Amino acid sequence: MLKQPERGSRNVNDFFYEMEGRQLQKMNKVLAGVELTKAEERTLIWLAGWEESTVDHLLSVIEKAARIRADKRGGYAHKSNRESEK
């Protein structure tokens, strides 16, 4: 799960901090159950500071890819590989 850095730990304004929080919530919803490395977490937190439409488009692509893979395996996108192969 992606956790937003503390507001006081960075030089950001209130608008940015609120927007970043919304972006991270969206990311956490799409990436629920996905294990991330620390480097991946840092990159996604950085990306959360980008324009909302950029993040929305990236999350849409991730969801589409997950659906396609699940359909090919005959399972569900939210299940792990082992569960969908049973």
Protein backbone atom coordinates (compact mmCIF):
# COMPACT_ATOMS: atom_id res chain seq x y z
CA MET A 1 0.00 0.00 0.00
CA LEU A 2 1.29 3.40 -0.96
CA LYS A 3 1.57 5.83 1.95
CA GLN A 4 1.67 9.56 1.46
CA PRO A 5 4.76 11.22 2.92
CA GLU A 6 4.15 13.62 5.78
CA ARG A 7 3.29 17.13 4.66
CA GLY A 8 6.02 18.69 6.77
CA SER A 9 8.71 16.46 5.30
CA ARG A 10 8.50 18.25 1.92
CA ASN A 11 8.09 21.77 0.65
CA VAL A 12 4.60 21.42 -0.89
CA ASN A 13 1.47 23.54 -0.63
CA ASP A 14 -1.90 22.37 0.70
CA PHE A 15 -3.43 22.03 -2.78
CA PHE A 16 -0.63 19.72 -3.94
CA TYR A 17 -0.81 17.62 -0.76
CA GLU A 18 -4.58 17.11 -1.08
CA MET A 19 -4.30 16.23 -4.78
CA GLU A 20 -1.45 13.81 -4.12
CA GLY A 21 -3.55 12.10 -1.44
CA ARG A 22 -6.44 11.59 -3.90
CA GLN A 23 -4.04 10.22 -6.50
CA LEU A 24 -2.55 7.75 -4.03
CA GLN A 25 -6.02 6.56 -3.01
CA LYS A 26 -6.82 5.81 -6.66
CA MET A 27 -3.52 4.00 -7.08
CA ASN A 28 -4.05 1.93 -3.95
CA LYS A 29 -7.48 0.87 -5.19
CA VAL A 30 -6.12 -0.34 -8.54
CA LEU A 31 -2.97 -1.91 -7.06
CA ALA A 32 -4.64 -3.64 -4.09
CA GLY A 33 -2.84 -6.90 -3.33
CA VAL A 34 0.15 -6.12 -5.57
CA GLU A 35 3.52 -6.33 -3.82
CA LEU A 36 5.72 -3.37 -4.69
CA THR A 37 9.41 -2.81 -4.17
CA LYS A 38 10.53 0.32 -2.32
CA ALA A 39 11.74 1.73 -5.65
CA GLU A 40 8.34 1.12 -7.25
CA GLU A 41 6.62 2.78 -4.29
CA ARG A 42 8.88 5.85 -4.56
CA THR A 43 8.20 6.10 -8.29
CA LEU A 44 4.42 5.84 -7.84
CA ILE A 45 4.45 8.43 -5.05
CA TRP A 46 6.43 10.72 -7.38
CA LEU A 47 3.92 10.05 -10.16
CA ALA A 48 1.05 10.94 -7.80
CA GLY A 49 2.28 14.52 -8.00
CA TRP A 50 1.61 14.68 -11.73
CA GLU A 51 -1.55 15.94 -13.39
CA GLU A 52 -4.59 13.87 -12.43
CA SER A 53 -5.43 12.91 -16.01
CA THR A 54 -1.92 11.45 -16.42
CA VAL A 55 -2.40 9.20 -13.40
CA ASP A 56 -5.94 8.27 -14.48
CA HIS A 57 -4.71 7.20 -17.92
CA LEU A 58 -1.89 5.12 -16.46
CA LEU A 59 -4.26 3.39 -14.03
CA SER A 60 -6.67 2.70 -16.88
CA VAL A 61 -3.90 0.97 -18.84
CA ILE A 62 -2.93 -1.12 -15.80
CA GLU A 63 -6.55 -2.21 -15.31
CA LYS A 64 -6.93 -3.10 -19.02
CA ALA A 65 -3.75 -5.19 -18.95
CA ALA A 66 -4.92 -7.01 -15.81
CA ARG A 67 -8.29 -7.79 -17.44
CA ILE A 68 -6.67 -9.10 -20.62
CA ARG A 69 -4.32 -11.37 -18.66
CA ALA A 70 -7.16 -12.63 -16.49
CA ASP A 71 -9.32 -13.37 -19.54
CA LYS A 72 -6.47 -15.31 -21.18
CA ARG A 73 -6.04 -17.43 -18.05
CA GLY A 74 -9.75 -17.85 -17.49
CA GLY A 75 -9.56 -16.27 -14.05
CA TYR A 76 -10.07 -12.96 -12.36
CA ALA A 77 -7.69 -10.02 -12.37
CA HIS A 78 -7.72 -9.79 -8.58
CA LYS A 79 -6.66 -13.42 -8.02
CA SER A 80 -3.07 -14.54 -7.79
CA ASN A 81 -1.53 -16.77 -10.45
CA ARG A 82 -1.85 -19.87 -8.33
CA GLU A 83 -5.53 -19.29 -7.59
CA SER A 84 -6.44 -18.69 -11.23
CA GLU A 85 -4.56 -21.79 -12.42
CA LYS A 86 -6.53 -24.19 -10.20
